[in-house]
Amino acid sequence: MTGDKYHLVELPMGWMVLLGGKYGLKRASLKPTPDEAIEDLGSDLDSAEDDPDAFTGVIECLHRYAEGDMAALDEIELDFSGVTPFFSAAWHACRTIPAGETRSYAWLAVEAGSPLAVRAAGQAMARNRFSLIVPCHRVIASDGGLGGYGGGGLGVKAKLLQMELGEQDR
């Protein structure tokens, strides 16, 4: 892929805008409406070209996930360039959480190498550039509460967790 490319995709759980470059997927925003998804990426789309063919493999993985293949998202190559080392470590750790399971922000801080950085772990999830693909919906508060979710609100977070739990029961 030369130059940044983007594409808007409709999924069962909402609309996702994908933005990629030569090193893989740079951003993915999942929102309830196409306008919200596009708005979330803002000026990052200004110099990008709409090219659905650039994301064939990513889109296939997203649809497989929606159809119950919980491991499909692991195949998507992500570009973490320009990200702080802690955020990168937190996002990598988040990707190891099995579908249908949850972990706390405290667990994430430990796995990212900074056990006392629980708030920073929360910020890493809040600023997740890869909605759904870095499954921040699997990270919850230590008291079992859902915490927050920027990918469409707590209702979407609960729906994603329920979908994954349902798939794990099969």
Protein backbone atom coordinates (compact mmCIF):
# COMPACT_ATOMS: atom_id res chain seq x y z
CA MET A 1 0.00 0.00 0.00
CA THR A 2 1.53 3.32 -1.05
CA GLY A 3 0.06 6.45 0.51
CA ASP A 4 -2.74 6.28 3.03
CA LYS A 5 -5.97 4.56 2.04
CA TYR A 6 -9.32 4.43 3.79
CA HIS A 7 -12.66 2.73 3.45
CA LEU A 8 -16.01 2.78 5.26
CA VAL A 9 -17.48 -0.65 6.08
CA GLU A 10 -20.89 -1.60 7.46
CA LEU A 11 -20.73 -4.34 10.08
CA PRO A 12 -23.48 -5.93 12.20
CA MET A 13 -22.22 -3.95 15.21
CA GLY A 14 -21.96 -0.57 13.48
CA TRP A 15 -19.95 1.34 10.90
CA MET A 16 -16.17 1.18 10.75
CA VAL A 17 -13.74 3.43 8.93
CA LEU A 18 -10.42 1.78 8.18
CA LEU A 19 -7.27 3.84 7.56
CA GLY A 20 -4.12 2.10 6.40
CA GLY A 21 -0.62 2.86 5.25
CA LYS A 22 2.39 0.92 4.05
CA TYR A 23 2.97 -0.69 7.47
CA GLY A 24 -0.57 -1.93 8.05
CA LEU A 25 -3.77 -0.62 9.54
CA LYS A 26 -3.21 2.78 11.18
CA ARG A 27 -6.68 3.39 12.59
CA ALA A 28 -10.10 1.78 12.76
CA SER A 29 -13.10 3.60 14.17
CA LEU A 30 -16.32 1.77 15.03
CA LYS A 31 -19.35 4.00 15.54
CA PRO A 32 -23.14 3.62 15.29
CA THR A 33 -23.41 5.75 12.11
CA PRO A 34 -21.20 6.30 9.06
CA ASP A 35 -20.97 10.04 9.76
CA GLU A 36 -19.74 9.44 13.33
CA ALA A 37 -17.12 6.96 12.13
CA ILE A 38 -15.81 9.35 9.48
CA GLU A 39 -15.89 12.30 11.88
CA ASP A 40 -13.87 10.31 14.43
CA LEU A 41 -10.94 10.01 12.02
CA GLY A 42 -11.22 13.70 11.12
CA SER A 43 -8.23 15.21 9.34
CA ASP A 44 -6.47 11.83 9.16
CA LEU A 45 -8.67 11.17 6.12
CA ASP A 46 -7.80 14.43 4.33
CA SER A 47 -4.87 13.05 2.36
CA ALA A 48 -6.15 9.47 2.15
CA GLU A 49 -7.75 7.88 -0.89
CA ASP A 50 -10.89 5.73 -0.61
CA ASP A 51 -9.78 2.28 -1.75
CA PRO A 52 -11.87 -0.74 -0.71
CA ASP A 53 -9.43 -3.11 -2.44
CA ALA A 54 -6.67 -2.08 -0.02
CA PHE A 55 -8.66 -3.59 2.87
CA THR A 56 -9.99 -6.84 1.40
CA GLY A 57 -8.21 -9.01 3.98
CA VAL A 58 -9.13 -6.75 6.91
CA ILE A 59 -12.78 -6.62 5.87
CA GLU A 60 -12.84 -10.41 5.50
CA CYS A 61 -11.44 -10.77 9.05
CA LEU A 62 -14.03 -8.34 10.43
CA HIS A 63 -16.89 -10.26 8.81
CA ARG A 64 -15.51 -13.59 10.03
CA TYR A 65 -15.38 -12.15 13.57
CA ALA A 66 -18.99 -10.95 13.25
CA GLU A 67 -19.98 -14.46 12.12
CA GLY A 68 -18.36 -16.07 15.16
CA ASP A 69 -14.68 -16.62 14.27
CA MET A 70 -13.33 -14.96 17.41
CA ALA A 71 -9.69 -15.41 16.34
CA ALA A 72 -10.12 -13.62 13.01
CA LEU A 73 -9.14 -10.20 14.39
CA ASP A 74 -5.73 -11.56 15.44
CA GLU A 75 -4.77 -11.80 11.76
CA ILE A 76 -5.00 -8.05 11.17
CA GLU A 77 -1.60 -6.33 11.04
CA LEU A 78 -1.56 -3.04 12.94
CA ASP A 79 0.77 -0.06 12.59
CA PHE A 80 1.61 1.29 16.06
CA SER A 81 4.12 3.87 14.76
CA GLY A 82 4.02 7.18 16.57
CA VAL A 83 2.50 5.60 19.68
CA THR A 84 4.07 5.83 23.14
CA PRO A 85 5.81 2.65 24.33
CA PHE A 86 3.26 2.24 27.14
CA PHE A 87 0.26 2.57 24.81
CA SER A 88 1.86 0.11 22.40
CA ALA A 89 2.48 -2.38 25.23
CA ALA A 90 -1.08 -1.91 26.53
CA TRP A 91 -2.60 -2.42 23.08
CA HIS A 92 -0.49 -5.54 22.51
CA ALA A 93 -1.53 -6.89 25.93
CA CYS A 94 -5.18 -6.13 25.23
CA ARG A 95 -5.00 -8.22 22.05
CA THR A 96 -4.06 -11.25 24.19
CA ILE A 97 -7.34 -11.20 26.13
CA PRO A 98 -9.36 -14.16 24.83
CA ALA A 99 -12.75 -13.46 23.29
CA GLY A 100 -15.53 -13.88 25.80
CA GLU A 101 -13.26 -12.96 28.71
CA THR A 102 -12.55 -9.67 30.44
CA ARG A 103 -9.62 -8.20 32.31
CA SER A 104 -9.29 -5.16 34.56
CA TYR A 105 -7.42 -1.95 33.87
CA ALA A 106 -5.09 -3.00 36.73
CA TRP A 107 -4.31 -6.27 34.92
CA LEU A 108 -3.62 -4.31 31.74
CA ALA A 109 -1.20 -1.99 33.56
CA VAL A 110 0.72 -5.00 34.89
CA GLU A 111 0.83 -6.68 31.47
CA ALA A 112 2.02 -3.43 29.87
CA GLY A 113 4.95 -3.35 32.28
CA SER A 114 3.82 -0.57 34.64
CA PRO A 115 1.80 -2.07 37.52
CA LEU A 116 1.05 1.33 39.09
CA ALA A 117 -0.14 2.90 35.83
CA VAL A 118 -3.80 1.89 36.09
CA ARG A 119 -5.05 5.33 34.97
CA ALA A 120 -2.62 5.27 32.05
CA ALA A 121 -4.01 1.86 31.09
CA GLY A 122 -7.46 3.44 31.07
CA GLN A 123 -6.16 6.24 28.85
CA ALA A 124 -4.60 3.71 26.48
CA MET A 125 -8.01 2.09 26.08
CA ALA A 126 -9.80 5.45 25.78
CA ARG A 127 -7.38 6.46 23.00
CA ASN A 128 -7.41 3.10 21.27
CA ARG A 129 -6.86 3.78 17.56
CA PHE A 130 -8.15 0.34 16.58
CA SER A 131 -11.75 -0.08 17.76
CA LEU A 132 -12.74 -3.73 18.01
CA ILE A 133 -9.39 -4.98 16.64
CA VAL A 134 -7.61 -3.97 19.85
CA PRO A 135 -10.51 -5.30 21.92
CA CYS A 136 -10.76 -2.59 24.56
CA HIS A 137 -14.35 -3.72 25.11
CA ARG A 138 -12.82 -6.65 27.04
CA VAL A 139 -11.23 -4.32 29.62
CA ILE A 140 -13.46 -3.46 32.56
CA ALA A 141 -13.24 -1.78 35.94
CA SER A 142 -11.83 -3.77 38.89
CA ASP A 143 -15.28 -3.77 40.51
CA GLY A 144 -16.74 -5.57 37.49
CA GLY A 145 -18.38 -2.46 36.03
CA LEU A 146 -18.06 -1.90 32.31
CA GLY A 147 -15.99 1.29 32.65
CA GLY A 148 -16.17 3.33 29.45
CA TYR A 149 -16.31 2.64 25.72
CA GLY A 150 -15.71 5.18 22.98
CA GLY A 151 -16.67 2.80 20.18
CA GLY A 152 -20.35 3.63 20.37
CA GLY A 153 -21.04 3.72 24.09
CA LEU A 154 -21.52 1.21 26.88
CA GLY A 155 -24.45 -0.41 25.07
CA VAL A 156 -22.15 -1.43 22.22
CA LYS A 157 -19.50 -2.65 24.70
CA ALA A 158 -22.09 -4.81 26.46
CA LYS A 159 -23.39 -6.11 23.12
CA LEU A 160 -19.89 -7.08 21.96
CA LEU A 161 -19.13 -8.88 25.21
CA GLN A 162 -22.47 -10.70 25.06
CA MET A 163 -21.85 -11.70 21.43
CA GLU A 164 -18.42 -13.09 22.34
CA LEU A 165 -19.78 -14.94 25.37
CA GLY A 166 -22.47 -16.47 23.19
CA GLU A 167 -19.89 -17.66 20.69
CA GLN A 168 -17.75 -19.17 23.47
CA ASP A 169 -20.75 -21.19 24.70
CA ARG A 170 -21.13 -22.99 21.36
